[in-house]
Amino acid sequence: MKKTLVLLLFLLTLTLSQNAIAQTETVADIVEQTWTGYSRQETSSGYFYCQQSFTFRLNRSTNSLSGSVTATLKIDGVSYSSRYTLTGQLYEDDNKLYYNAEYSSGDALPGGAEWCGSNGYLNFYSNPDKYGHFSLQGTVSSCGGSLDLDLGDD
């Protein structure tokens, strides 16, 4: 009886451990989706915010990334959008990725302003407010300066 109970407890523990491992996600498992959020860039008159939507596709044999970005900003109540072609590399062991977003098309901006591409490293973080959700964050290069990018998977 005692041996049977110990064996049952061992099998139960083994089963629970295997389920926990099966449910563990890697950055490769979560990168292929649409990540939405905002970029924030400091200007002489304060901060400039732009809505961002990144969609990644992963080539698992090389960990290379491709995809697209859509950026939308409001100026004086009018929305303007642009689209970018995305390439990059996933660094699973470091929980980060590098991306390069090249401008492909967009609405004309007022006052002679122009859309700019961006590139840089983004780090994966667990979202402490939403169990099982993640964010991508980093300071990246754009328009000859830098901007803070904060994207979520929800």
N, C-alpha and C. Protein backbone atom coordinates (compact mmCIF):
# COMPACT_ATOMS: atom_id res chain seq x y z
N MET A 1 0.82 -1.20 0.00
CA MET A 1 0.00 0.00 0.00
C MET A 1 0.86 1.26 0.00
N LYS A 2 1.90 1.26 0.84
CA LYS A 2 2.78 2.41 0.95
C LYS A 2 3.54 2.62 -0.37
N LYS A 3 4.00 1.52 -0.98
CA LYS A 3 4.71 1.62 -2.25
C LYS A 3 3.80 2.15 -3.35
N THR A 4 2.54 1.73 -3.34
CA THR A 4 1.58 2.18 -4.34
C THR A 4 1.32 3.68 -4.20
N LEU A 5 1.18 4.16 -2.98
CA LEU A 5 0.95 5.58 -2.73
C LEU A 5 2.15 6.42 -3.18
N VAL A 6 3.36 5.96 -2.87
CA VAL A 6 4.57 6.66 -3.28
C VAL A 6 4.67 6.69 -4.80
N LEU A 7 4.36 5.57 -5.46
CA LEU A 7 4.40 5.50 -6.91
C LEU A 7 3.37 6.45 -7.53
N LEU A 8 2.17 6.50 -6.98
CA LEU A 8 1.13 7.41 -7.47
C LEU A 8 1.55 8.87 -7.31
N LEU A 9 2.14 9.21 -6.16
CA LEU A 9 2.61 10.57 -5.94
C LEU A 9 3.72 10.92 -6.93
N PHE A 10 4.62 9.98 -7.17
CA PHE A 10 5.70 10.21 -8.13
C PHE A 10 5.13 10.44 -9.53
N LEU A 11 4.18 9.61 -9.97
CA LEU A 11 3.57 9.76 -11.29
C LEU A 11 2.80 11.08 -11.41
N LEU A 12 2.12 11.47 -10.36
CA LEU A 12 1.40 12.73 -10.36
C LEU A 12 2.38 13.90 -10.47
N THR A 13 3.46 13.87 -9.72
CA THR A 13 4.47 14.92 -9.79
C THR A 13 5.10 14.98 -11.17
N LEU A 14 5.41 13.83 -11.76
CA LEU A 14 5.99 13.78 -13.09
C LEU A 14 5.04 14.36 -14.12
N THR A 15 3.76 14.02 -14.03
CA THR A 15 2.75 14.54 -14.96
C THR A 15 2.62 16.04 -14.82
N LEU A 16 2.56 16.56 -13.60
CA LEU A 16 2.46 18.00 -13.39
C LEU A 16 3.69 18.72 -13.92
N SER A 17 4.86 18.15 -13.73
CA SER A 17 6.10 18.77 -14.23
C SER A 17 6.10 18.83 -15.75
N GLN A 18 5.66 17.77 -16.40
CA GLN A 18 5.63 17.76 -17.86
C GLN A 18 4.63 18.77 -18.38
N ASN A 19 3.49 18.93 -17.72
CA ASN A 19 2.51 19.92 -18.13
C ASN A 19 3.06 21.32 -17.97
N ALA A 20 3.79 21.59 -16.91
CA ALA A 20 4.38 22.92 -16.69
C ALA A 20 5.40 23.22 -17.78
N ILE A 21 6.22 22.24 -18.15
CA ILE A 21 7.20 22.45 -19.21
C ILE A 21 6.49 22.68 -20.53
N ALA A 22 5.46 21.93 -20.81
CA ALA A 22 4.74 22.08 -22.07
C ALA A 22 4.09 23.46 -22.19
N GLN A 23 3.73 24.07 -21.06
CA GLN A 23 3.07 25.36 -21.08
C GLN A 23 4.05 26.53 -21.08
N THR A 24 5.33 26.26 -20.90
CA THR A 24 6.32 27.32 -20.89
C THR A 24 6.52 27.84 -22.31
N GLU A 25 6.44 29.17 -22.47
CA GLU A 25 6.60 29.77 -23.77
C GLU A 25 7.98 30.41 -23.89
N THR A 26 8.55 30.31 -25.08
CA THR A 26 9.80 31.00 -25.37
C THR A 26 9.47 32.25 -26.19
N VAL A 27 10.45 33.13 -26.35
CA VAL A 27 10.21 34.32 -27.17
C VAL A 27 9.90 33.93 -28.61
N ALA A 28 10.45 32.81 -29.08
CA ALA A 28 10.13 32.34 -30.43
C ALA A 28 8.65 31.96 -30.55
N ASP A 29 8.06 31.48 -29.44
CA ASP A 29 6.65 31.11 -29.44
C ASP A 29 5.72 32.32 -29.45
N ILE A 30 6.18 33.43 -28.91
CA ILE A 30 5.28 34.58 -28.75
C ILE A 30 5.53 35.73 -29.72
N VAL A 31 6.66 35.73 -30.44
CA VAL A 31 7.00 36.87 -31.28
C VAL A 31 6.05 37.02 -32.47
N GLU A 32 5.55 35.90 -33.01
CA GLU A 32 4.74 35.94 -34.22
C GLU A 32 3.30 36.33 -33.92
N GLN A 33 3.10 37.61 -33.80
CA GLN A 33 1.77 38.17 -33.58
C GLN A 33 1.83 39.67 -33.82
N THR A 34 0.73 40.34 -33.61
CA THR A 34 0.71 41.79 -33.74
C THR A 34 0.91 42.41 -32.37
N TRP A 35 1.89 43.29 -32.28
CA TRP A 35 2.23 44.01 -31.06
C TRP A 35 1.83 45.46 -31.25
N THR A 36 1.03 46.00 -30.34
CA THR A 36 0.56 47.37 -30.49
C THR A 36 0.97 48.22 -29.29
N GLY A 37 1.12 49.49 -29.55
CA GLY A 37 1.48 50.42 -28.49
C GLY A 37 1.84 51.77 -29.05
N TYR A 38 2.80 52.42 -28.40
CA TYR A 38 3.15 53.78 -28.77
C TYR A 38 4.65 53.98 -28.78
N SER A 39 5.07 54.93 -29.63
CA SER A 39 6.43 55.43 -29.54
C SER A 39 6.34 56.83 -28.93
N ARG A 40 7.41 57.22 -28.25
CA ARG A 40 7.46 58.53 -27.61
C ARG A 40 8.81 59.15 -27.94
N GLN A 41 8.77 60.33 -28.53
CA GLN A 41 9.99 61.02 -28.90
C GLN A 41 9.98 62.41 -28.29
N GLU A 42 11.09 62.78 -27.69
CA GLU A 42 11.19 64.10 -27.07
C GLU A 42 11.49 65.14 -28.15
N THR A 43 10.78 66.25 -28.08
CA THR A 43 11.00 67.38 -29.00
C THR A 43 11.29 68.62 -28.16
N SER A 44 11.58 69.72 -28.81
CA SER A 44 11.86 70.96 -28.09
C SER A 44 10.64 71.48 -27.32
N SER A 45 9.45 71.06 -27.74
CA SER A 45 8.23 71.54 -27.07
C SER A 45 7.54 70.46 -26.23
N GLY A 46 8.22 69.37 -25.96
CA GLY A 46 7.62 68.31 -25.14
C GLY A 46 7.81 66.95 -25.80
N TYR A 47 6.83 66.07 -25.59
CA TYR A 47 6.91 64.72 -26.16
C TYR A 47 5.93 64.57 -27.31
N PHE A 48 6.33 63.76 -28.27
CA PHE A 48 5.55 63.47 -29.46
C PHE A 48 5.22 61.99 -29.42
N TYR A 49 3.93 61.64 -29.46
CA TYR A 49 3.49 60.24 -29.38
C TYR A 49 2.94 59.79 -30.73
N CYS A 50 3.21 58.52 -31.07
CA CYS A 50 2.73 57.94 -32.31
C CYS A 50 2.27 56.51 -32.02
N GLN A 51 1.06 56.17 -32.45
CA GLN A 51 0.55 54.81 -32.28
C GLN A 51 1.30 53.88 -33.23
N GLN A 52 1.70 52.69 -32.74
CA GLN A 52 2.48 51.74 -33.53
C GLN A 52 1.83 50.36 -33.50
N SER A 53 1.93 49.66 -34.63
CA SER A 53 1.47 48.28 -34.71
C SER A 53 2.50 47.48 -35.51
N PHE A 54 3.18 46.55 -34.83
CA PHE A 54 4.22 45.71 -35.43
C PHE A 54 3.67 44.30 -35.60
N THR A 55 3.85 43.71 -36.78
CA THR A 55 3.49 42.32 -37.02
C THR A 55 4.75 41.59 -37.47
N PHE A 56 5.14 40.57 -36.70
CA PHE A 56 6.36 39.82 -36.97
C PHE A 56 6.05 38.42 -37.51
N ARG A 57 6.89 37.96 -38.45
CA ARG A 57 6.92 36.56 -38.89
C ARG A 57 8.33 36.07 -38.62
N LEU A 58 8.46 34.85 -38.14
CA LEU A 58 9.75 34.30 -37.75
C LEU A 58 10.14 33.13 -38.64
N ASN A 59 11.33 33.17 -39.19
CA ASN A 59 11.93 32.02 -39.87
C ASN A 59 12.68 31.27 -38.79
N ARG A 60 12.12 30.16 -38.31
CA ARG A 60 12.68 29.45 -37.15
C ARG A 60 14.05 28.82 -37.44
N SER A 61 14.38 28.55 -38.68
CA SER A 61 15.68 27.94 -38.97
C SER A 61 16.83 28.94 -38.85
N THR A 62 16.54 30.24 -39.03
CA THR A 62 17.59 31.26 -38.95
C THR A 62 17.32 32.30 -37.87
N ASN A 63 16.14 32.24 -37.26
CA ASN A 63 15.67 33.25 -36.29
C ASN A 63 15.59 34.64 -36.89
N SER A 64 15.48 34.73 -38.23
CA SER A 64 15.31 36.03 -38.87
C SER A 64 13.84 36.43 -38.84
N LEU A 65 13.61 37.73 -38.79
CA LEU A 65 12.26 38.28 -38.71
C LEU A 65 11.92 39.05 -39.97
N SER A 66 10.66 39.02 -40.33
CA SER A 66 10.12 39.86 -41.40
C SER A 66 8.75 40.31 -40.93
N GLY A 67 8.17 41.25 -41.65
CA GLY A 67 6.84 41.70 -41.26
C GLY A 67 6.57 43.12 -41.69
N SER A 68 5.69 43.76 -40.94
CA SER A 68 5.28 45.11 -41.31
C SER A 68 4.99 45.93 -40.05
N VAL A 69 5.02 47.24 -40.25
CA VAL A 69 4.70 48.19 -39.19
C VAL A 69 3.72 49.20 -39.77
N THR A 70 2.74 49.57 -38.97
CA THR A 70 1.85 50.67 -39.30
C THR A 70 1.96 51.69 -38.17
N ALA A 71 2.18 52.94 -38.54
CA ALA A 71 2.26 54.03 -37.56
C ALA A 71 1.15 55.02 -37.84
N THR A 72 0.48 55.47 -36.80
CA THR A 72 -0.60 56.44 -36.94
C THR A 72 -0.40 57.55 -35.92
N LEU A 73 -0.46 58.79 -36.40
CA LEU A 73 -0.36 59.90 -35.47
C LEU A 73 -1.43 60.93 -35.76
N LYS A 74 -1.78 61.68 -34.75
CA LYS A 74 -2.78 62.74 -34.89
C LYS A 74 -2.09 64.08 -34.75
N ILE A 75 -2.40 64.95 -35.71
CA ILE A 75 -1.92 66.33 -35.67
C ILE A 75 -3.14 67.22 -35.84
N ASP A 76 -3.40 68.04 -34.85
CA ASP A 76 -4.57 68.94 -34.87
C ASP A 76 -5.87 68.19 -35.18
N GLY A 77 -6.02 67.00 -34.59
CA GLY A 77 -7.25 66.23 -34.73
C GLY A 77 -7.34 65.40 -36.00
N VAL A 78 -6.36 65.46 -36.88
CA VAL A 78 -6.36 64.70 -38.13
C VAL A 78 -5.38 63.54 -38.00
N SER A 79 -5.83 62.33 -38.37
CA SER A 79 -4.97 61.15 -38.30
C SER A 79 -4.21 60.95 -39.61
N TYR A 80 -2.94 60.61 -39.48
CA TYR A 80 -2.07 60.32 -40.60
C TYR A 80 -1.45 58.95 -40.36
N SER A 81 -1.35 58.13 -41.42
CA SER A 81 -0.80 56.78 -41.28
C SER A 81 0.36 56.55 -42.25
N SER A 82 1.24 55.67 -41.83
CA SER A 82 2.35 55.25 -42.69
C SER A 82 2.58 53.76 -42.51
N ARG A 83 3.24 53.15 -43.51
CA ARG A 83 3.53 51.73 -43.49
C ARG A 83 5.02 51.51 -43.73
N TYR A 84 5.53 50.46 -43.10
CA TYR A 84 6.96 50.16 -43.16
C TYR A 84 7.15 48.67 -43.40
N THR A 85 8.26 48.33 -44.05
CA THR A 85 8.67 46.94 -44.22
C THR A 85 9.63 46.61 -43.10
N LEU A 86 9.43 45.48 -42.48
CA LEU A 86 10.16 45.11 -41.28
C LEU A 86 11.08 43.92 -41.55
N THR A 87 12.33 44.04 -41.11
CA THR A 87 13.27 42.92 -41.11
C THR A 87 13.95 42.92 -39.74
N GLY A 88 14.57 41.80 -39.39
CA GLY A 88 15.25 41.78 -38.11
C GLY A 88 15.77 40.41 -37.74
N GLN A 89 16.15 40.30 -36.48
CA GLN A 89 16.72 39.06 -35.95
C GLN A 89 16.24 38.85 -34.52
N LEU A 90 15.86 37.63 -34.20
CA LEU A 90 15.44 37.27 -32.85
C LEU A 90 16.63 36.66 -32.11
N TYR A 91 16.87 37.13 -30.88
CA TYR A 91 17.93 36.60 -30.02
C TYR A 91 17.27 35.93 -28.82
N GLU A 92 16.94 34.65 -28.99
CA GLU A 92 16.18 33.91 -27.97
C GLU A 92 16.88 33.88 -26.62
N ASP A 93 18.18 33.61 -26.62
CA ASP A 93 18.90 33.47 -25.35
C ASP A 93 18.94 34.77 -24.55
N ASP A 94 18.82 35.90 -25.25
CA ASP A 94 18.87 37.21 -24.58
C ASP A 94 17.49 37.83 -24.40
N ASN A 95 16.44 37.14 -24.83
CA ASN A 95 15.06 37.65 -24.74
C ASN A 95 14.92 39.03 -25.37
N LYS A 96 15.48 39.16 -26.59
CA LYS A 96 15.36 40.44 -27.29
C LYS A 96 15.36 40.20 -28.79
N LEU A 97 15.07 41.25 -29.52
CA LEU A 97 15.13 41.20 -30.97
C LEU A 97 15.73 42.51 -31.49
N TYR A 98 16.26 42.45 -32.69
CA TYR A 98 16.71 43.65 -33.39
C TYR A 98 15.79 43.79 -34.59
N TYR A 99 15.34 45.01 -34.89
CA TYR A 99 14.49 45.22 -36.06
C TYR A 99 14.96 46.45 -36.84
N ASN A 100 14.60 46.45 -38.11
CA ASN A 100 14.81 47.60 -38.98
C ASN A 100 13.50 47.81 -39.74
N ALA A 101 12.90 48.98 -39.58
CA ALA A 101 11.64 49.30 -40.25
C ALA A 101 11.93 50.37 -41.31
N GLU A 102 11.80 50.00 -42.59
CA GLU A 102 12.04 50.93 -43.69
C GLU A 102 10.71 51.45 -44.21
N TYR A 103 10.64 52.77 -44.36
CA TYR A 103 9.43 53.43 -44.86
C TYR A 103 9.07 52.89 -46.23
N SER A 104 7.77 52.57 -46.43
CA SER A 104 7.31 52.14 -47.75
C SER A 104 6.23 53.05 -48.32
N SER A 105 5.31 53.55 -47.49
CA SER A 105 4.28 54.47 -47.98
C SER A 105 3.58 55.13 -46.81
N GLY A 106 2.91 56.26 -47.12
CA GLY A 106 2.18 56.93 -46.05
C GLY A 106 1.50 58.20 -46.51
N ASP A 107 0.64 58.72 -45.65
CA ASP A 107 -0.05 59.97 -45.92
C ASP A 107 0.94 61.13 -45.87
N ALA A 108 0.68 62.14 -46.69
CA ALA A 108 1.50 63.35 -46.64
C ALA A 108 1.26 64.06 -45.31
N LEU A 109 2.35 64.46 -44.67
CA LEU A 109 2.27 65.16 -43.38
C LEU A 109 2.27 66.67 -43.61
N PRO A 110 1.60 67.41 -42.75
CA PRO A 110 1.55 68.86 -42.91
C PRO A 110 2.90 69.52 -42.58
N GLY A 111 3.08 70.71 -43.09
CA GLY A 111 4.24 71.52 -42.73
C GLY A 111 5.56 70.99 -43.23
N GLY A 112 5.55 70.11 -44.26
CA GLY A 112 6.79 69.58 -44.79
C GLY A 112 7.43 68.50 -43.95
N ALA A 113 6.75 68.05 -42.91
CA ALA A 113 7.28 66.96 -42.07
C ALA A 113 7.33 65.67 -42.89
N GLU A 114 8.25 64.80 -42.54
CA GLU A 114 8.41 63.53 -43.25
C GLU A 114 8.40 62.36 -42.30
N TRP A 115 7.94 61.20 -42.79
CA TRP A 115 7.98 59.96 -42.03
C TRP A 115 9.42 59.45 -42.01
N CYS A 116 9.80 58.79 -40.94
CA CYS A 116 11.14 58.20 -40.82
C CYS A 116 11.01 56.73 -40.43
N GLY A 117 11.95 55.95 -40.89
CA GLY A 117 12.05 54.57 -40.44
C GLY A 117 12.67 54.53 -39.04
N SER A 118 12.81 53.34 -38.51
CA SER A 118 13.44 53.20 -37.19
C SER A 118 14.14 51.86 -37.12
N ASN A 119 15.06 51.75 -36.17
CA ASN A 119 15.74 50.47 -35.95
C ASN A 119 16.32 50.44 -34.55
N GLY A 120 16.46 49.23 -34.04
CA GLY A 120 17.05 49.08 -32.72
C GLY A 120 16.65 47.77 -32.06
N TYR A 121 17.08 47.63 -30.82
CA TYR A 121 16.80 46.43 -30.03
C TYR A 121 15.57 46.65 -29.17
N LEU A 122 14.73 45.62 -29.09
CA LEU A 122 13.57 45.60 -28.20
C LEU A 122 13.70 44.39 -27.29
N ASN A 123 13.42 44.58 -26.02
CA ASN A 123 13.49 43.50 -25.03
C ASN A 123 12.10 42.99 -24.71
N PHE A 124 12.00 41.67 -24.51
CA PHE A 124 10.75 41.04 -24.10
C PHE A 124 10.65 41.09 -22.58
N TYR A 125 9.47 41.46 -22.08
CA TYR A 125 9.20 41.48 -20.64
C TYR A 125 7.84 40.82 -20.38
N SER A 126 7.71 40.17 -19.23
CA SER A 126 6.39 39.69 -18.79
C SER A 126 5.60 40.90 -18.34
N ASN A 127 4.31 40.89 -18.66
CA ASN A 127 3.45 41.99 -18.23
C ASN A 127 2.97 41.69 -16.82
N PRO A 128 3.40 42.46 -15.82
CA PRO A 128 3.03 42.16 -14.43
C PRO A 128 1.54 42.37 -14.15
N ASP A 129 0.87 43.13 -15.01
CA ASP A 129 -0.55 43.41 -14.80
C ASP A 129 -1.47 42.39 -15.47
N LYS A 130 -0.92 41.62 -16.41
CA LYS A 130 -1.73 40.64 -17.15
C LYS A 130 -0.96 39.34 -17.28
N TYR A 131 -1.30 38.37 -16.46
CA TYR A 131 -0.62 37.08 -16.46
C TYR A 131 -0.68 36.47 -17.87
N GLY A 132 0.47 35.99 -18.34
CA GLY A 132 0.54 35.34 -19.64
C GLY A 132 0.70 36.30 -20.80
N HIS A 133 0.79 37.61 -20.52
CA HIS A 133 0.98 38.60 -21.58
C HIS A 133 2.38 39.20 -21.47
N PHE A 134 2.83 39.77 -22.58
CA PHE A 134 4.21 40.25 -22.66
C PHE A 134 4.25 41.64 -23.29
N SER A 135 5.40 42.30 -23.11
CA SER A 135 5.63 43.58 -23.78
C SER A 135 7.00 43.55 -24.44
N LEU A 136 7.15 44.41 -25.43
CA LEU A 136 8.42 44.66 -26.11
C LEU A 136 8.76 46.12 -25.86
N GLN A 137 9.94 46.39 -25.34
CA GLN A 137 10.30 47.76 -25.00
C GLN A 137 11.75 48.03 -25.35
N GLY A 138 12.02 49.28 -25.72
CA GLY A 138 13.38 49.68 -25.98
C GLY A 138 13.47 51.11 -26.46
N THR A 139 14.68 51.64 -26.45
CA THR A 139 14.96 52.95 -27.03
C THR A 139 15.66 52.69 -28.35
N VAL A 140 15.08 53.20 -29.44
CA VAL A 140 15.56 52.88 -30.78
C VAL A 140 15.90 54.17 -31.54
N SER A 141 16.57 54.03 -32.67
CA SER A 141 16.96 55.17 -33.49
C SER A 141 15.89 55.48 -34.52
N SER A 142 15.63 56.78 -34.72
CA SER A 142 14.67 57.22 -35.73
C SER A 142 14.88 58.70 -36.01
N CYS A 143 14.82 59.08 -37.26
CA CYS A 143 14.91 60.49 -37.68
C CYS A 143 16.15 61.19 -37.14
N GLY A 144 17.25 60.47 -37.04
CA GLY A 144 18.48 61.07 -36.55
C GLY A 144 18.52 61.25 -35.05
N GLY A 145 17.52 60.76 -34.35
CA GLY A 145 17.46 60.84 -32.89
C GLY A 145 17.06 59.51 -32.32
N SER A 146 16.42 59.55 -31.16
CA SER A 146 15.96 58.30 -30.54
C SER A 146 14.52 58.46 -30.08
N LEU A 147 13.87 57.32 -29.94
CA LEU A 147 12.52 57.31 -29.41
C LEU A 147 12.33 56.08 -28.55
N ASP A 148 11.44 56.16 -27.58
CA ASP A 148 11.09 55.04 -26.72
C ASP A 148 9.92 54.31 -27.34
N LEU A 149 10.02 53.02 -27.43
CA LEU A 149 8.98 52.19 -28.03
C LEU A 149 8.47 51.22 -26.98
N ASP A 150 7.16 51.16 -26.81
CA ASP A 150 6.53 50.28 -25.82
C ASP A 150 5.35 49.60 -26.49
N LEU A 151 5.47 48.29 -26.73
CA LEU A 151 4.45 47.51 -27.42
C LEU A 151 3.97 46.36 -26.54
N GLY A 152 2.70 46.02 -26.67
CA GLY A 152 2.14 44.90 -25.93
C GLY A 152 1.49 43.89 -26.85
N ASP A 153 1.29 42.68 -26.33
CA ASP A 153 0.68 41.62 -27.13
C ASP A 153 -0.82 41.52 -26.94
N ASP A 154 -1.42 42.52 -26.35
CA ASP A 154 -2.88 42.46 -26.13
C ASP A 154 -3.56 43.51 -26.92
